[in-house]
Amino acid sequence: MATDADLSITPAAPPGVSRRPSGLTIRAREPDDCEAVADLMALPKVRFGTLRLPFQTRAEIRKWLDAHSEGRTAIVAVLDGRLVGDAGIHQYKGRRSHVGGIGLCVHDDFHRRGIGTALLGALIETADKWLNLRRLELTVYVDNAPAIALYEKSGFEIEGTRRQDAFRDGRFVDSYAMARLRGE
C-alpha cells in the first residue's frame, strides 16, 4: 500500500510553460534528504541567489530545515535518483493566512532544464488546489534574470524594489518583491 511519502504529483504546467523533463519526480522532502539538501545549499550559484551564508555545516542546515517545518509544504525535485531542486511554501497565520511565501532553488548543474518550472508548478498547484492560498509572494535579486523570467511566466508580477535588501559578495544588492494573485 502506498503511503503519502510514496506519492508524487504531476502538476499542470502554467500557461505557456512546457512539461517537466523525463525522469523528474517532484515529491515531499523527507528527513533523509537533509544531506542532499545541504549539498544543494552549498553550491555557489544556489548560495549566490539566496540569503544563505558560505560554510554552513550539515547540522546547521538540518536545524534550519527542522525549524521551518511547521506551516510549510516542502518539496524536492529528483532527476534519475539525484536530488536536483528544493522548494517550499510557508503559509502565514492570522489575517495573512491566505498568503504563502515561496522559496525555490535548483542545482547549479541543472539550470534551464525545466526543473524550476516543475517545482514552481507544483507549488502553485498545491497553493491553489490544496491550501486555498490567494496570494503567493517571494523576493528575488534584481540581477537574477532567469528566475525573474520563470516567475513572470508563471503569473508573478514585480510589486516593488527593495533597495539594498541584502549584503552579498561584498556589496549591497537590491531585490524585487514579486507576487501572484489567484483570480476568483
C-alpha atoms as a PDB file:
ATOM      1  CA  MET A   1       0.000   0.000   0.000  1.00  0.00           C
ATOM      2  CA  ALA A   2       1.335   3.442  -0.935  1.00  0.00           C
ATOM      3  CA  THR A   3       1.966   5.994   1.774  1.00  0.00           C
ATOM      4  CA  ASP A   4       1.835   9.767   1.387  1.00  0.00           C
ATOM      5  CA  ALA A   5       5.637   9.763   1.143  1.00  0.00           C
ATOM      6  CA  ASP A   6       5.464   7.412  -1.858  1.00  0.00           C
ATOM      7  CA  LEU A   7       3.170   9.692  -3.810  1.00  0.00           C
ATOM      8  CA  SER A   8       4.298  12.449  -6.099  1.00  0.00           C
ATOM      9  CA  ILE A   9       2.175  14.846  -8.070  1.00  0.00           C
ATOM     10  CA  THR A  10       2.409  15.785 -11.687  1.00  0.00           C
ATOM     11  CA  PRO A  11       1.479  19.458 -11.640  1.00  0.00           C
ATOM     12  CA  ALA A  12      -0.227  21.040 -14.576  1.00  0.00           C
ATOM     13  CA  ALA A  13       2.186  23.376 -16.311  1.00  0.00           C
ATOM     14  CA  PRO A  14       1.303  27.074 -16.046  1.00  0.00           C
ATOM     15  CA  PRO A  15       0.023  28.614 -19.305  1.00  0.00           C
ATOM     16  CA  GLY A  16       2.796  28.849 -21.889  1.00  0.00           C
ATOM     17  CA  VAL A  17       5.122  26.584 -19.909  1.00  0.00           C
ATOM     18  CA  SER A  18       6.400  23.226 -21.177  1.00  0.00           C
ATOM     19  CA  ARG A  19       6.001  19.967 -19.264  1.00  0.00           C
ATOM     20  CA  ARG A  20       8.696  18.700 -16.925  1.00  0.00           C
ATOM     21  CA  PRO A  21      11.672  16.647 -18.127  1.00  0.00           C
ATOM     22  CA  SER A  22      11.538  12.874 -18.415  1.00  0.00           C
ATOM     23  CA  GLY A  23      12.782  11.093 -15.296  1.00  0.00           C
ATOM     24  CA  LEU A  24      11.928  14.002 -12.970  1.00  0.00           C
ATOM     25  CA  THR A  25       9.928  13.329  -9.810  1.00  0.00           C
ATOM     26  CA  ILE A  26       8.528  16.018  -7.536  1.00  0.00           C
ATOM     27  CA  ARG A  27       7.872  14.708  -4.047  1.00  0.00           C
ATOM     28  CA  ALA A  28       7.702  15.718  -0.395  1.00  0.00           C
ATOM     29  CA  ARG A  29      11.015  16.493   1.244  1.00  0.00           C
ATOM     30  CA  GLU A  30      11.945  13.719   3.684  1.00  0.00           C
ATOM     31  CA  PRO A  31      14.289  13.871   6.705  1.00  0.00           C
ATOM     32  CA  ASP A  32      16.670  11.566   4.818  1.00  0.00           C
ATOM     33  CA  ASP A  33      17.059  14.301   2.163  1.00  0.00           C
ATOM     34  CA  CYS A  34      18.945  16.554   4.582  1.00  0.00           C
ATOM     35  CA  GLU A  35      22.433  15.717   3.318  1.00  0.00           C
ATOM     36  CA  ALA A  36      21.463  16.170  -0.321  1.00  0.00           C
ATOM     37  CA  VAL A  37      19.705  19.461   0.516  1.00  0.00           C
ATOM     38  CA  ALA A  38      22.806  20.589   2.436  1.00  0.00           C
ATOM     39  CA  ASP A  39      24.943  19.792  -0.612  1.00  0.00           C
ATOM     40  CA  LEU A  40      22.492  21.725  -2.805  1.00  0.00           C
ATOM     41  CA  MET A  41      22.523  24.762  -0.494  1.00  0.00           C
ATOM     42  CA  ALA A  42      26.338  24.838  -0.553  1.00  0.00           C
ATOM     43  CA  LEU A  43      26.576  25.198  -4.334  1.00  0.00           C
ATOM     44  CA  PRO A  44      27.922  28.602  -5.480  1.00  0.00           C
ATOM     45  CA  LYS A  45      25.003  29.579  -7.760  1.00  0.00           C
ATOM     46  CA  VAL A  46      22.377  28.387  -5.274  1.00  0.00           C
ATOM     47  CA  ARG A  47      24.028  30.294  -2.427  1.00  0.00           C
ATOM     48  CA  PHE A  48      24.506  33.406  -4.627  1.00  0.00           C
ATOM     49  CA  GLY A  49      20.751  33.521  -5.302  1.00  0.00           C
ATOM     50  CA  THR A  50      19.701  33.129  -1.659  1.00  0.00           C
ATOM     51  CA  LEU A  51      20.425  34.632   1.750  1.00  0.00           C
ATOM     52  CA  ARG A  52      22.484  31.578   2.727  1.00  0.00           C
ATOM     53  CA  LEU A  53      25.986  32.156   4.068  1.00  0.00           C
ATOM     54  CA  PRO A  54      29.025  30.160   2.940  1.00  0.00           C
ATOM     55  CA  PHE A  55      30.460  27.365   5.074  1.00  0.00           C
ATOM     56  CA  GLN A  56      27.309  26.211   6.813  1.00  0.00           C
ATOM     57  CA  THR A  57      27.523  22.747   8.311  1.00  0.00           C
ATOM     58  CA  ARG A  58      25.060  19.954   7.643  1.00  0.00           C
ATOM     59  CA  ALA A  59      23.966  20.237  11.283  1.00  0.00           C
ATOM     60  CA  GLU A  60      23.145  23.940  10.801  1.00  0.00           C
ATOM     61  CA  ILE A  61      21.165  23.185   7.655  1.00  0.00           C
ATOM     62  CA  ARG A  62      19.303  20.312   9.357  1.00  0.00           C
ATOM     63  CA  LYS A  63      18.423  22.642  12.248  1.00  0.00           C
ATOM     64  CA  TRP A  64      17.200  25.265   9.751  1.00  0.00           C
ATOM     65  CA  LEU A  65      15.122  22.673   7.870  1.00  0.00           C
ATOM     66  CA  ASP A  66      13.592  21.345  11.106  1.00  0.00           C
ATOM     67  CA  ALA A  67      12.830  24.836  12.436  1.00  0.00           C
ATOM     68  CA  HIS A  68      10.998  25.767   9.251  1.00  0.00           C
ATOM     69  CA  SER A  69       8.764  22.701   9.008  1.00  0.00           C
ATOM     70  CA  GLU A  70       5.618  23.981  10.787  1.00  0.00           C
ATOM     71  CA  GLY A  71       3.179  25.598   8.362  1.00  0.00           C
ATOM     72  CA  ARG A  72       5.424  24.660   5.450  1.00  0.00           C
ATOM     73  CA  THR A  73       4.961  22.475   2.415  1.00  0.00           C
ATOM     74  CA  ALA A  74       8.445  21.323   1.402  1.00  0.00           C
ATOM     75  CA  ILE A  75       9.156  19.513  -1.855  1.00  0.00           C
ATOM     76  CA  VAL A  76      12.184  18.311  -3.771  1.00  0.00           C
ATOM     77  CA  ALA A  77      12.945  17.548  -7.394  1.00  0.00           C
ATOM     78  CA  VAL A  78      14.664  14.239  -8.056  1.00  0.00           C
ATOM     79  CA  LEU A  79      16.054  13.542 -11.520  1.00  0.00           C
ATOM     80  CA  ASP A  80      17.070   9.962 -12.194  1.00  0.00           C
ATOM     81  CA  GLY A  81      17.598   9.345  -8.462  1.00  0.00           C
ATOM     82  CA  ARG A  82      19.551  12.568  -7.767  1.00  0.00           C
ATOM     83  CA  LEU A  83      18.131  15.464  -5.727  1.00  0.00           C
ATOM     84  CA  VAL A  84      18.393  18.484  -8.045  1.00  0.00           C
ATOM     85  CA  GLY A  85      15.993  21.011  -6.542  1.00  0.00           C
ATOM     86  CA  ASP A  86      14.266  22.121  -3.360  1.00  0.00           C
ATOM     87  CA  ALA A  87      11.251  24.371  -2.892  1.00  0.00           C
ATOM     88  CA  GLY A  88       8.584  25.227  -0.391  1.00  0.00           C
ATOM     89  CA  ILE A  89       5.628  27.307   0.634  1.00  0.00           C
ATOM     90  CA  HIS A  90       5.329  28.815   4.086  1.00  0.00           C
ATOM     91  CA  GLN A  91       1.692  29.627   4.839  1.00  0.00           C
ATOM     92  CA  TYR A  92       1.333  32.670   7.046  1.00  0.00           C
ATOM     93  CA  LYS A  93      -1.058  32.896  10.001  1.00  0.00           C
ATOM     94  CA  GLY A  94      -3.842  35.095  11.236  1.00  0.00           C
ATOM     95  CA  ARG A  95      -5.096  37.777   8.878  1.00  0.00           C
ATOM     96  CA  ARG A  96      -2.472  36.701   6.343  1.00  0.00           C
ATOM     97  CA  SER A  97      -3.469  33.023   6.335  1.00  0.00           C
ATOM     98  CA  HIS A  98      -4.452  33.401   2.668  1.00  0.00           C
ATOM     99  CA  VAL A  99      -0.806  34.191   1.783  1.00  0.00           C
ATOM    100  CA  GLY A 100       2.163  31.937   1.232  1.00  0.00           C
ATOM    101  CA  GLY A 101       5.811  32.850   0.855  1.00  0.00           C
ATOM    102  CA  ILE A 102       7.771  30.675  -1.527  1.00  0.00           C
ATOM    103  CA  GLY A 103      11.386  29.732  -1.971  1.00  0.00           C
ATOM    104  CA  LEU A 104      12.985  27.653  -4.687  1.00  0.00           C
ATOM    105  CA  CYS A 105      16.460  26.546  -5.764  1.00  0.00           C
ATOM    106  CA  VAL A 106      17.848  24.298  -8.488  1.00  0.00           C
ATOM    107  CA  HIS A 107      21.223  22.530  -8.557  1.00  0.00           C
ATOM    108  CA  ASP A 108      23.918  24.568 -10.354  1.00  0.00           C
ATOM    109  CA  ASP A 109      24.436  21.860 -12.997  1.00  0.00           C
ATOM    110  CA  PHE A 110      20.731  21.511 -13.838  1.00  0.00           C
ATOM    111  CA  HIS A 111      19.586  25.038 -14.717  1.00  0.00           C
ATOM    112  CA  ARG A 112      17.381  25.628 -17.771  1.00  0.00           C
ATOM    113  CA  ARG A 113      16.107  22.045 -17.915  1.00  0.00           C
ATOM    114  CA  GLY A 114      12.565  22.657 -16.665  1.00  0.00           C
ATOM    115  CA  ILE A 115      13.248  21.707 -13.047  1.00  0.00           C
ATOM    116  CA  GLY A 116      12.461  25.165 -11.641  1.00  0.00           C
ATOM    117  CA  THR A 117       9.322  25.247 -13.783  1.00  0.00           C
ATOM    118  CA  ALA A 118       8.234  21.854 -12.424  1.00  0.00           C
ATOM    119  CA  LEU A 119       8.908  22.858  -8.811  1.00  0.00           C
ATOM    120  CA  LEU A 120       7.107  26.170  -9.196  1.00  0.00           C
ATOM    121  CA  GLY A 121       4.184  24.475 -10.956  1.00  0.00           C
ATOM    122  CA  ALA A 122       3.871  22.003  -8.077  1.00  0.00           C
ATOM    123  CA  LEU A 123       3.929  24.848  -5.531  1.00  0.00           C
ATOM    124  CA  ILE A 124       1.288  26.813  -7.426  1.00  0.00           C
ATOM    125  CA  GLU A 125      -0.964  23.772  -7.793  1.00  0.00           C
ATOM    126  CA  THR A 126      -0.610  22.976  -4.091  1.00  0.00           C
ATOM    127  CA  ALA A 127      -1.315  26.589  -3.126  1.00  0.00           C
ATOM    128  CA  ASP A 128      -4.374  26.844  -5.388  1.00  0.00           C
ATOM    129  CA  LYS A 129      -5.950  23.410  -5.020  1.00  0.00           C
ATOM    130  CA  TRP A 130      -4.950  22.241  -1.553  1.00  0.00           C
ATOM    131  CA  LEU A 131      -4.040  25.209   0.645  1.00  0.00           C
ATOM    132  CA  ASN A 132      -6.579  27.708  -0.757  1.00  0.00           C
ATOM    133  CA  LEU A 133      -3.957  30.441  -0.893  1.00  0.00           C
ATOM    134  CA  ARG A 134      -4.979  33.576  -2.768  1.00  0.00           C
ATOM    135  CA  ARG A 135      -1.543  35.213  -2.813  1.00  0.00           C
ATOM    136  CA  LEU A 136       1.942  33.779  -3.307  1.00  0.00           C
ATOM    137  CA  GLU A 137       4.875  36.092  -2.705  1.00  0.00           C
ATOM    138  CA  LEU A 138       8.652  35.979  -2.959  1.00  0.00           C
ATOM    139  CA  THR A 139      11.758  38.108  -3.202  1.00  0.00           C
ATOM    140  CA  VAL A 140      14.383  37.701  -5.889  1.00  0.00           C
ATOM    141  CA  TYR A 141      17.607  39.582  -6.541  1.00  0.00           C
ATOM    142  CA  VAL A 142      17.228  42.073  -9.398  1.00  0.00           C
ATOM    143  CA  ASP A 143      20.210  40.539 -11.219  1.00  0.00           C
ATOM    144  CA  ASN A 144      18.680  37.033 -11.296  1.00  0.00           C
ATOM    145  CA  ALA A 145      17.113  37.350 -14.759  1.00  0.00           C
ATOM    146  CA  PRO A 146      16.412  33.608 -15.294  1.00  0.00           C
ATOM    147  CA  ALA A 147      14.493  33.357 -12.010  1.00  0.00           C
ATOM    148  CA  ILE A 148      12.559  36.557 -12.721  1.00  0.00           C
ATOM    149  CA  ALA A 149      11.596  35.208 -16.156  1.00  0.00           C
ATOM    150  CA  LEU A 150      10.442  31.917 -14.586  1.00  0.00           C
ATOM    151  CA  TYR A 151       8.294  33.736 -12.033  1.00  0.00           C
ATOM    152  CA  GLU A 152       6.807  36.106 -14.616  1.00  0.00           C
ATOM    153  CA  LYS A 153       5.837  33.292 -16.996  1.00  0.00           C
ATOM    154  CA  SER A 154       4.051  31.664 -14.035  1.00  0.00           C
ATOM    155  CA  GLY A 155       1.967  34.761 -13.314  1.00  0.00           C
ATOM    156  CA  PHE A 156       4.098  36.602 -10.751  1.00  0.00           C
ATOM    157  CA  GLU A 157       4.422  40.374 -11.057  1.00  0.00           C
ATOM    158  CA  ILE A 158       7.006  42.761  -9.668  1.00  0.00           C
ATOM    159  CA  GLU A 159       5.362  44.821  -6.948  1.00  0.00           C
ATOM    160  CA  GLY A 160       8.365  46.865  -5.911  1.00  0.00           C
ATOM    161  CA  THR A 161      12.091  47.107  -5.394  1.00  0.00           C
ATOM    162  CA  ARG A 162      13.672  46.528  -2.011  1.00  0.00           C
ATOM    163  CA  ARG A 163      16.724  48.799  -2.121  1.00  0.00           C
ATOM    164  CA  GLN A 164      19.959  47.457  -0.590  1.00  0.00           C
ATOM    165  CA  ASP A 165      17.969  44.470   0.620  1.00  0.00           C
ATOM    166  CA  ALA A 166      20.904  42.158   1.309  1.00  0.00           C
ATOM    167  CA  PHE A 167      24.672  42.137   1.612  1.00  0.00           C
ATOM    168  CA  ARG A 168      26.099  39.676  -0.910  1.00  0.00           C
ATOM    169  CA  ASP A 169      29.660  39.105  -2.061  1.00  0.00           C
ATOM    170  CA  GLY A 170      30.978  42.353  -0.589  1.00  0.00           C
ATOM    171  CA  ARG A 171      28.220  44.746  -1.629  1.00  0.00           C
ATOM    172  CA  PHE A 172      24.582  45.593  -1.047  1.00  0.00           C
ATOM    173  CA  VAL A 173      22.125  44.329  -3.648  1.00  0.00           C
ATOM    174  CA  ASP A 174      18.527  45.148  -4.461  1.00  0.00           C
ATOM    175  CA  SER A 175      15.715  42.635  -4.747  1.00  0.00           C
ATOM    176  CA  TYR A 176      12.242  42.631  -6.226  1.00  0.00           C
ATOM    177  CA  ALA A 177       9.134  41.868  -4.235  1.00  0.00           C
ATOM    178  CA  MET A 178       7.006  39.707  -6.548  1.00  0.00           C
ATOM    179  CA  ALA A 179       3.568  38.192  -6.081  1.00  0.00           C
ATOM    180  CA  ARG A 180       0.964  36.111  -7.862  1.00  0.00           C
ATOM    181  CA  LEU A 181      -2.694  36.641  -7.030  1.00  0.00           C
ATOM    182  CA  ARG A 182      -5.140  33.835  -7.722  1.00  0.00           C
ATOM    183  CA  GLY A 183      -8.257  35.037  -9.522  1.00  0.00           C
ATOM    184  CA  GLU A 184     -11.832  34.351  -8.475  1.00  0.00           C
END
